[in-house]
Amino acid sequence: MNGNFFAEFIGKHFDTCFAKCGRKKDDRRLFFMDNDQSQMSKAARKAIEKIEAEFHKIPARSPDLKPIENVFHLVKKCLKNEAIANNIT
């Protein structure tokens, strides 16, 4: 995915997404991104501004904000323990 593709995706789908979530006229629109280069592009930022959303950047690998990171940690730990137990190098 590149910035232009992501910007086009925002233009086509985000208004619908915000509408479906029950957004009222005066509610804030928040967009949280995780440092993906396509989301950082000028085209994507302009598209986010056009739909009047606020752009928020979260730290990479932040388990508090991205719970999947906790799952990845547990899977990695289990695989490592299994490899040690089975003498796999």
PDB file of N, CA and C in Angstrom:
ATOM      1  N   MET A   1       0.857  -1.165   0.000  1.00  0.00           N
ATOM      2  CA  MET A   1       0.000   0.000   0.000  1.00  0.00           C
ATOM      3  C   MET A   1       0.905   1.230   0.000  1.00  0.00           C
ATOM      4  N   ASN A   2       0.497   2.246  -0.739  1.00  0.00           N
ATOM      5  CA  ASN A   2       1.250   3.493  -0.726  1.00  0.00           C
ATOM      6  C   ASN A   2       0.342   4.639  -0.271  1.00  0.00           C
ATOM      7  N   GLY A   3       0.921   5.822  -0.134  1.00  0.00           N
ATOM      8  CA  GLY A   3       0.188   6.965   0.382  1.00  0.00           C
ATOM      9  C   GLY A   3      -1.003   7.355  -0.466  1.00  0.00           C
ATOM     10  N   ASN A   4      -0.859   7.320  -1.795  1.00  0.00           N
ATOM     11  CA  ASN A   4      -1.970   7.693  -2.671  1.00  0.00           C
ATOM     12  C   ASN A   4      -3.129   6.703  -2.550  1.00  0.00           C
ATOM     13  N   PHE A   5      -2.801   5.400  -2.492  1.00  0.00           N
ATOM     14  CA  PHE A   5      -3.841   4.388  -2.317  1.00  0.00           C
ATOM     15  C   PHE A   5      -4.571   4.610  -0.995  1.00  0.00           C
ATOM     16  N   PHE A   6      -3.812   4.851   0.075  1.00  0.00           N
ATOM     17  CA  PHE A   6      -4.413   5.048   1.392  1.00  0.00           C
ATOM     18  C   PHE A   6      -5.277   6.306   1.414  1.00  0.00           C
ATOM     19  N   ALA A   7      -4.812   7.373   0.784  1.00  0.00           N
ATOM     20  CA  ALA A   7      -5.586   8.612   0.712  1.00  0.00           C
ATOM     21  C   ALA A   7      -6.911   8.374  -0.012  1.00  0.00           C
ATOM     22  N   GLU A   8      -6.858   7.623  -1.099  1.00  0.00           N
ATOM     23  CA  GLU A   8      -8.078   7.301  -1.848  1.00  0.00           C
ATOM     24  C   GLU A   8      -9.026   6.460  -0.988  1.00  0.00           C
ATOM     25  N   PHE A   9      -8.468   5.514  -0.246  1.00  0.00           N
ATOM     26  CA  PHE A   9      -9.257   4.677   0.650  1.00  0.00           C
ATOM     27  C   PHE A   9      -9.958   5.529   1.709  1.00  0.00           C
ATOM     28  N   ILE A  10      -9.232   6.484   2.269  1.00  0.00           N
ATOM     29  CA  ILE A  10      -9.815   7.390   3.264  1.00  0.00           C
ATOM     30  C   ILE A  10     -10.998   8.131   2.656  1.00  0.00           C
ATOM     31  N   GLY A  11     -10.778   8.705   1.467  1.00  0.00           N
ATOM     32  CA  GLY A  11     -11.830   9.461   0.802  1.00  0.00           C
ATOM     33  C   GLY A  11     -13.073   8.643   0.511  1.00  0.00           C
ATOM     34  N   LYS A  12     -12.894   7.386   0.167  1.00  0.00           N
ATOM     35  CA  LYS A  12     -14.031   6.533  -0.185  1.00  0.00           C
ATOM     36  C   LYS A  12     -14.766   5.959   1.019  1.00  0.00           C
ATOM     37  N   HIS A  13     -14.050   5.667   2.102  1.00  0.00           N
ATOM     38  CA  HIS A  13     -14.638   4.860   3.165  1.00  0.00           C
ATOM     39  C   HIS A  13     -14.761   5.511   4.539  1.00  0.00           C
ATOM     40  N   PHE A  14     -13.952   6.472   4.867  1.00  0.00           N
ATOM     41  CA  PHE A  14     -13.935   6.941   6.250  1.00  0.00           C
ATOM     42  C   PHE A  14     -15.191   7.702   6.644  1.00  0.00           C
ATOM     43  N   ASP A  15     -15.761   8.501   5.737  1.00  0.00           N
ATOM     44  CA  ASP A  15     -17.011   9.182   6.081  1.00  0.00           C
ATOM     45  C   ASP A  15     -18.092   8.167   6.431  1.00  0.00           C
ATOM     46  N   THR A  16     -18.161   7.098   5.662  1.00  0.00           N
ATOM     47  CA  THR A  16     -19.137   6.041   5.926  1.00  0.00           C
ATOM     48  C   THR A  16     -18.865   5.384   7.273  1.00  0.00           C
ATOM     49  N   CYS A  17     -17.601   5.124   7.557  1.00  0.00           N
ATOM     50  CA  CYS A  17     -17.242   4.497   8.837  1.00  0.00           C
ATOM     51  C   CYS A  17     -17.643   5.382  10.007  1.00  0.00           C
ATOM     52  N   PHE A  18     -17.335   6.670   9.920  1.00  0.00           N
ATOM     53  CA  PHE A  18     -17.695   7.583  11.007  1.00  0.00           C
ATOM     54  C   PHE A  18     -19.209   7.677  11.139  1.00  0.00           C
ATOM     55  N   ALA A  19     -19.933   7.673  10.026  1.00  0.00           N
ATOM     56  CA  ALA A  19     -21.395   7.750  10.068  1.00  0.00           C
ATOM     57  C   ALA A  19     -21.985   6.502  10.725  1.00  0.00           C
ATOM     58  N   LYS A  20     -21.448   5.340  10.400  1.00  0.00           N
ATOM     59  CA  LYS A  20     -21.967   4.087  10.951  1.00  0.00           C
ATOM     60  C   LYS A  20     -21.715   3.951  12.446  1.00  0.00           C
ATOM     61  N   CYS A  21     -20.714   4.633  12.960  1.00  0.00           N
ATOM     62  CA  CYS A  21     -20.415   4.508  14.393  1.00  0.00           C
ATOM     63  C   CYS A  21     -21.293   5.436  15.225  1.00  0.00           C
ATOM     64  N   GLY A  22     -22.214   6.160  14.571  1.00  0.00           N
ATOM     65  CA  GLY A  22     -23.149   7.007  15.304  1.00  0.00           C
ATOM     66  C   GLY A  22     -22.604   8.380  15.631  1.00  0.00           C
ATOM     67  N   ARG A  23     -21.652   8.832  14.859  1.00  0.00           N
ATOM     68  CA  ARG A  23     -21.041  10.140  15.094  1.00  0.00           C
ATOM     69  C   ARG A  23     -22.079  11.241  14.926  1.00  0.00           C
ATOM     70  N   LYS A  24     -22.124  12.118  15.901  1.00  0.00           N
ATOM     71  CA  LYS A  24     -22.984  13.298  15.798  1.00  0.00           C
ATOM     72  C   LYS A  24     -22.192  14.414  15.134  1.00  0.00           C
ATOM     73  N   LYS A  25     -22.869  15.425  14.670  1.00  0.00           N
ATOM     74  CA  LYS A  25     -22.229  16.502  13.913  1.00  0.00           C
ATOM     75  C   LYS A  25     -21.060  17.138  14.652  1.00  0.00           C
ATOM     76  N   ASP A  26     -21.190  17.359  15.952  1.00  0.00           N
ATOM     77  CA  ASP A  26     -20.150  18.057  16.710  1.00  0.00           C
ATOM     78  C   ASP A  26     -19.110  17.134  17.339  1.00  0.00           C
ATOM     79  N   ASP A  27     -19.252  15.821  17.161  1.00  0.00           N
ATOM     80  CA  ASP A  27     -18.278  14.874  17.713  1.00  0.00           C
ATOM     81  C   ASP A  27     -16.939  15.012  16.995  1.00  0.00           C
ATOM     82  N   ARG A  28     -15.881  14.726  17.723  1.00  0.00           N
ATOM     83  CA  ARG A  28     -14.544  14.745  17.128  1.00  0.00           C
ATOM     84  C   ARG A  28     -14.308  13.460  16.361  1.00  0.00           C
ATOM     85  N   ARG A  29     -13.586  13.562  15.253  1.00  0.00           N
ATOM     86  CA  ARG A  29     -13.157  12.402  14.480  1.00  0.00           C
ATOM     87  C   ARG A  29     -11.681  12.187  14.778  1.00  0.00           C
ATOM     88  N   LEU A  30     -11.346  11.029  15.279  1.00  0.00           N
ATOM     89  CA  LEU A  30      -9.957  10.746  15.625  1.00  0.00           C
ATOM     90  C   LEU A  30      -9.420   9.646  14.723  1.00  0.00           C
ATOM     91  N   PHE A  31      -8.220   9.850  14.224  1.00  0.00           N
ATOM     92  CA  PHE A  31      -7.537   8.837  13.424  1.00  0.00           C
ATOM     93  C   PHE A  31      -6.203   8.554  14.092  1.00  0.00           C
ATOM     94  N   PHE A  32      -6.020   7.310  14.536  1.00  0.00           N
ATOM     95  CA  PHE A  32      -4.772   6.909  15.172  1.00  0.00           C
ATOM     96  C   PHE A  32      -3.960   6.078  14.196  1.00  0.00           C
ATOM     97  N   MET A  33      -2.720   6.434  14.024  1.00  0.00           N
ATOM     98  CA  MET A  33      -1.863   5.697  13.095  1.00  0.00           C
ATOM     99  C   MET A  33      -0.668   5.141  13.825  1.00  0.00           C
ATOM    100  N   ASP A  34      -0.078   4.103  13.243  1.00  0.00           N
ATOM    101  CA  ASP A  34       1.012   3.396  13.904  1.00  0.00           C
ATOM    102  C   ASP A  34       2.327   3.470  13.130  1.00  0.00           C
ATOM    103  N   ASN A  35       2.613   4.607  12.535  1.00  0.00           N
ATOM    104  CA  ASN A  35       3.872   4.876  11.837  1.00  0.00           C
ATOM    105  C   ASN A  35       4.013   4.183  10.490  1.00  0.00           C
ATOM    106  N   ASP A  36       2.933   3.668   9.937  1.00  0.00           N
ATOM    107  CA  ASP A  36       2.988   3.097   8.594  1.00  0.00           C
ATOM    108  C   ASP A  36       3.275   4.230   7.612  1.00  0.00           C
ATOM    109  N   GLN A  37       4.216   4.000   6.707  1.00  0.00           N
ATOM    110  CA  GLN A  37       4.636   5.059   5.782  1.00  0.00           C
ATOM    111  C   GLN A  37       3.491   5.568   4.905  1.00  0.00           C
ATOM    112  N   SER A  38       2.567   4.693   4.526  1.00  0.00           N
ATOM    113  CA  SER A  38       1.445   5.145   3.698  1.00  0.00           C
ATOM    114  C   SER A  38       0.553   6.112   4.470  1.00  0.00           C
ATOM    115  N   GLN A  39       0.471   5.956   5.782  1.00  0.00           N
ATOM    116  CA  GLN A  39      -0.342   6.846   6.603  1.00  0.00           C
ATOM    117  C   GLN A  39       0.366   8.172   6.876  1.00  0.00           C
ATOM    118  N   MET A  40       1.678   8.194   6.733  1.00  0.00           N
ATOM    119  CA  MET A  40       2.459   9.405   6.990  1.00  0.00           C
ATOM    120  C   MET A  40       2.586  10.300   5.756  1.00  0.00           C
ATOM    121  N   SER A  41       2.156   9.827   4.603  1.00  0.00           N
ATOM    122  CA  SER A  41       2.353  10.572   3.360  1.00  0.00           C
ATOM    123  C   SER A  41       1.542  11.869   3.358  1.00  0.00           C
ATOM    124  N   LYS A  42       1.985  12.818   2.541  1.00  0.00           N
ATOM    125  CA  LYS A  42       1.257  14.089   2.419  1.00  0.00           C
ATOM    126  C   LYS A  42      -0.155  13.861   1.907  1.00  0.00           C
ATOM    127  N   ALA A  43      -0.299  12.953   0.940  1.00  0.00           N
ATOM    128  CA  ALA A  43      -1.618  12.672   0.367  1.00  0.00           C
ATOM    129  C   ALA A  43      -2.569  12.139   1.433  1.00  0.00           C
ATOM    130  N   ALA A  44      -2.095  11.241   2.268  1.00  0.00           N
ATOM    131  CA  ALA A  44      -2.940  10.671   3.322  1.00  0.00           C
ATOM    132  C   ALA A  44      -3.298  11.722   4.359  1.00  0.00           C
ATOM    133  N   ARG A  45      -2.331  12.547   4.731  1.00  0.00           N
ATOM    134  CA  ARG A  45      -2.615  13.604   5.715  1.00  0.00           C
ATOM    135  C   ARG A  45      -3.642  14.599   5.191  1.00  0.00           C
ATOM    136  N   LYS A  46      -3.539  14.946   3.918  1.00  0.00           N
ATOM    137  CA  LYS A  46      -4.519  15.860   3.316  1.00  0.00           C
ATOM    138  C   LYS A  46      -5.910  15.227   3.298  1.00  0.00           C
ATOM    139  N   ALA A  47      -5.979  13.931   2.999  1.00  0.00           N
ATOM    140  CA  ALA A  47      -7.264  13.230   2.981  1.00  0.00           C
ATOM    141  C   ALA A  47      -7.874  13.196   4.378  1.00  0.00           C
ATOM    142  N   ILE A  48      -7.043  13.003   5.391  1.00  0.00           N
ATOM    143  CA  ILE A  48      -7.521  12.983   6.777  1.00  0.00           C
ATOM    144  C   ILE A  48      -8.032  14.365   7.168  1.00  0.00           C
ATOM    145  N   GLU A  49      -7.315  15.416   6.773  1.00  0.00           N
ATOM    146  CA  GLU A  49      -7.763  16.782   7.046  1.00  0.00           C
ATOM    147  C   GLU A  49      -9.076  17.073   6.321  1.00  0.00           C
ATOM    148  N   LYS A  50      -9.209  16.580   5.101  1.00  0.00           N
ATOM    149  CA  LYS A  50     -10.410  16.834   4.291  1.00  0.00           C
ATOM    150  C   LYS A  50     -11.667  16.269   4.956  1.00  0.00           C
ATOM    151  N   ILE A  51     -11.548  15.127   5.619  1.00  0.00           N
ATOM    152  CA  ILE A  51     -12.712  14.558   6.304  1.00  0.00           C
ATOM    153  C   ILE A  51     -12.828  15.091   7.734  1.00  0.00           C
ATOM    154  N   GLU A  52     -12.009  16.073   8.053  1.00  0.00           N
ATOM    155  CA  GLU A  52     -12.027  16.768   9.345  1.00  0.00           C
ATOM    156  C   GLU A  52     -11.756  15.830  10.523  1.00  0.00           C
ATOM    157  N   ALA A  53     -10.782  14.979  10.349  1.00  0.00           N
ATOM    158  CA  ALA A  53     -10.371  14.084  11.430  1.00  0.00           C
ATOM    159  C   ALA A  53      -9.078  14.607  12.051  1.00  0.00           C
ATOM    160  N   GLU A  54      -8.894  14.299  13.311  1.00  0.00           N
ATOM    161  CA  GLU A  54      -7.662  14.656  13.999  1.00  0.00           C
ATOM    162  C   GLU A  54      -6.683  13.500  13.864  1.00  0.00           C
ATOM    163  N   PHE A  55      -5.463  13.819  13.555  1.00  0.00           N
ATOM    164  CA  PHE A  55      -4.415  12.841  13.296  1.00  0.00           C
ATOM    165  C   PHE A  55      -3.602  12.642  14.562  1.00  0.00           C
ATOM    166  N   HIS A  56      -3.516  11.410  15.044  1.00  0.00           N
ATOM    167  CA  HIS A  56      -2.734  11.100  16.238  1.00  0.00           C
ATOM    168  C   HIS A  56      -1.781   9.957  15.931  1.00  0.00           C
ATOM    169  N   LYS A  57      -0.526  10.151  16.260  1.00  0.00           N
ATOM    170  CA  LYS A  57       0.502   9.149  16.016  1.00  0.00           C
ATOM    171  C   LYS A  57       0.807   8.439  17.332  1.00  0.00           C
ATOM    172  N   ILE A  58       0.736   7.106  17.328  1.00  0.00           N
ATOM    173  CA  ILE A  58       1.052   6.350  18.537  1.00  0.00           C
ATOM    174  C   ILE A  58       2.437   5.738  18.394  1.00  0.00           C
ATOM    175  N   PRO A  59       3.124   5.510  19.498  1.00  0.00           N
ATOM    176  CA  PRO A  59       4.461   4.934  19.432  1.00  0.00           C
ATOM    177  C   PRO A  59       4.432   3.514  18.855  1.00  0.00           C
ATOM    178  N   ALA A  60       5.447   3.203  18.114  1.00  0.00           N
ATOM    179  CA  ALA A  60       5.571   1.850  17.577  1.00  0.00           C
ATOM    180  C   ALA A  60       5.715   0.858  18.716  1.00  0.00           C
ATOM    181  N   ARG A  61       5.126  -0.292  18.550  1.00  0.00           N
ATOM    182  CA  ARG A  61       5.202  -1.385  19.532  1.00  0.00           C
ATOM    183  C   ARG A  61       4.768  -0.948  20.934  1.00  0.00           C
ATOM    184  N   SER A  62       3.691  -0.218  20.997  1.00  0.00           N
ATOM    185  CA  SER A  62       3.168   0.227  22.279  1.00  0.00           C
ATOM    186  C   SER A  62       2.089  -0.752  22.747  1.00  0.00           C
ATOM    187  N   PRO A  63       2.412  -1.674  23.655  1.00  0.00           N
ATOM    188  CA  PRO A  63       1.443  -2.694  24.055  1.00  0.00           C
ATOM    189  C   PRO A  63       0.196  -2.125  24.723  1.00  0.00           C
ATOM    190  N   ASP A  64       0.304  -0.978  25.357  1.00  0.00           N
ATOM    191  CA  ASP A  64      -0.864  -0.377  25.992  1.00  0.00           C
ATOM    192  C   ASP A  64      -1.883   0.085  24.947  1.00  0.00           C
ATOM    193  N   LEU A  65      -1.394   0.523  23.801  1.00  0.00           N
ATOM    194  CA  LEU A  65      -2.281   1.027  22.763  1.00  0.00           C
ATOM    195  C   LEU A  65      -2.551   0.006  21.673  1.00  0.00           C
ATOM    196  N   LYS A  66      -1.736  -1.024  21.604  1.00  0.00           N
ATOM    197  CA  LYS A  66      -1.891  -2.054  20.586  1.00  0.00           C
ATOM    198  C   LYS A  66      -1.847  -3.420  21.263  1.00  0.00           C
ATOM    199  N   PRO A  67      -2.977  -3.907  21.762  1.00  0.00           N
ATOM    200  CA  PRO A  67      -2.988  -5.162  22.519  1.00  0.00           C
ATOM    201  C   PRO A  67      -2.422  -6.357  21.753  1.00  0.00           C
ATOM    202  N   ILE A  68      -2.441  -6.333  20.439  1.00  0.00           N
ATOM    203  CA  ILE A  68      -1.904  -7.456  19.677  1.00  0.00           C
ATOM    204  C   ILE A  68      -0.429  -7.662  19.985  1.00  0.00           C
ATOM    205  N   GLU A  69       0.271  -6.597  20.387  1.00  0.00           N
ATOM    206  CA  GLU A  69       1.683  -6.723  20.748  1.00  0.00           C
ATOM    207  C   GLU A  69       1.854  -7.678  21.937  1.00  0.00           C
ATOM    208  N   ASN A  70       0.897  -7.676  22.861  1.00  0.00           N
ATOM    209  CA  ASN A  70       0.959  -8.606  23.994  1.00  0.00           C
ATOM    210  C   ASN A  70       0.822 -10.046  23.521  1.00  0.00           C
ATOM    211  N   VAL A  71      -0.064 -10.272  22.555  1.00  0.00           N
ATOM    212  CA  VAL A  71      -0.247 -11.612  22.004  1.00  0.00           C
ATOM    213  C   VAL A  71       1.035 -12.066  21.312  1.00  0.00           C
ATOM    214  N   PHE A  72       1.626 -11.183  20.503  1.00  0.00           N
ATOM    215  CA  PHE A  72       2.871 -11.531  19.813  1.00  0.00           C
ATOM    216  C   PHE A  72       3.956 -11.903  20.822  1.00  0.00           C
ATOM    217  N   HIS A  73       4.041 -11.183  21.918  1.00  0.00           N
ATOM    218  CA  HIS A  73       5.035 -11.469  22.950  1.00  0.00           C
ATOM    219  C   HIS A  73       4.816 -12.865  23.543  1.00  0.00           C
ATOM    220  N   LEU A  74       3.557 -13.193  23.844  1.00  0.00           N
ATOM    221  CA  LEU A  74       3.261 -14.506  24.427  1.00  0.00           C
ATOM    222  C   LEU A  74       3.563 -15.639  23.450  1.00  0.00           C
ATOM    223  N   VAL A  75       3.212 -15.457  22.189  1.00  0.00           N
ATOM    224  CA  VAL A  75       3.488 -16.485  21.181  1.00  0.00           C
ATOM    225  C   VAL A  75       4.990 -16.687  21.044  1.00  0.00           C
ATOM    226  N   LYS A  76       5.739 -15.604  20.977  1.00  0.00           N
ATOM    227  CA  LYS A  76       7.199 -15.701  20.853  1.00  0.00           C
ATOM    228  C   LYS A  76       7.790 -16.433  22.064  1.00  0.00           C
ATOM    229  N   LYS A  77       7.300 -16.120  23.245  1.00  0.00           N
ATOM    230  CA  LYS A  77       7.794 -16.761  24.461  1.00  0.00           C
ATOM    231  C   LYS A  77       7.489 -18.263  24.444  1.00  0.00           C
ATOM    232  N   CYS A  78       6.264 -18.632  24.052  1.00  0.00           N
ATOM    233  CA  CYS A  78       5.880 -20.051  23.980  1.00  0.00           C
ATOM    234  C   CYS A  78       6.724 -20.803  22.963  1.00  0.00           C
ATOM    235  N   LEU A  79       6.939 -20.201  21.802  1.00  0.00           N
ATOM    236  CA  LEU A  79       7.754 -20.852  20.775  1.00  0.00           C
ATOM    237  C   LEU A  79       9.193 -21.047  21.247  1.00  0.00           C
ATOM    238  N   LYS A  80       9.722 -20.045  21.924  1.00  0.00           N
ATOM    239  CA  LYS A  80      11.085 -20.147  22.438  1.00  0.00           C
ATOM    240  C   LYS A  80      11.187 -21.269  23.470  1.00  0.00           C
ATOM    241  N   ASN A  81      10.240 -21.323  24.403  1.00  0.00           N
ATOM    242  CA  ASN A  81      10.246 -22.374  25.435  1.00  0.00           C
ATOM    243  C   ASN A  81      10.108 -23.760  24.815  1.00  0.00           C
ATOM    244  N   GLU A  82       9.260 -23.874  23.805  1.00  0.00           N
ATOM    245  CA  GLU A  82       9.082 -25.165  23.130  1.00  0.00           C
ATOM    246  C   GLU A  82      10.355 -25.574  22.399  1.00  0.00           C
ATOM    247  N   ALA A  83      11.007 -24.612  21.762  1.00  0.00           N
ATOM    248  CA  ALA A  83      12.265 -24.909  21.064  1.00  0.00           C
ATOM    249  C   ALA A  83      13.327 -25.380  22.049  1.00  0.00           C
ATOM    250  N   ILE A  84      13.409 -24.744  23.198  1.00  0.00           N
ATOM    251  CA  ILE A  84      14.387 -25.151  24.225  1.00  0.00           C
ATOM    252  C   ILE A  84      14.048 -26.545  24.740  1.00  0.00           C
ATOM    253  N   ALA A  85      12.766 -26.785  25.025  1.00  0.00           N
ATOM    254  CA  ALA A  85      12.341 -28.077  25.573  1.00  0.00           C
ATOM    255  C   ALA A  85      12.605 -29.221  24.589  1.00  0.00           C
ATOM    256  N   ASN A  86      12.499 -28.948  23.300  1.00  0.00           N
ATOM    257  CA  ASN A  86      12.686 -29.968  22.267  1.00  0.00           C
ATOM    258  C   ASN A  86      14.067 -29.931  21.639  1.00  0.00           C
ATOM    259  N   ASN A  87      14.935 -29.128  22.236  1.00  0.00           N
ATOM    260  CA  ASN A  87      16.326 -29.018  21.760  1.00  0.00           C
ATOM    261  C   ASN A  87      16.410 -28.633  20.279  1.00  0.00           C
ATOM    262  N   ILE A  88      15.590 -27.657  19.893  1.00  0.00           N
ATOM    263  CA  ILE A  88      15.561 -27.164  18.506  1.00  0.00           C
ATOM    264  C   ILE A  88      16.420 -25.905  18.428  1.00  0.00           C
ATOM    265  N   THR A  89      17.320 -25.893  17.463  1.00  0.00           N
ATOM    266  CA  THR A  89      18.157 -24.690  17.307  1.00  0.00           C
ATOM    267  C   THR A  89      17.826 -23.979  16.019  1.00  0.00           C
TER     268      THR A  89
END
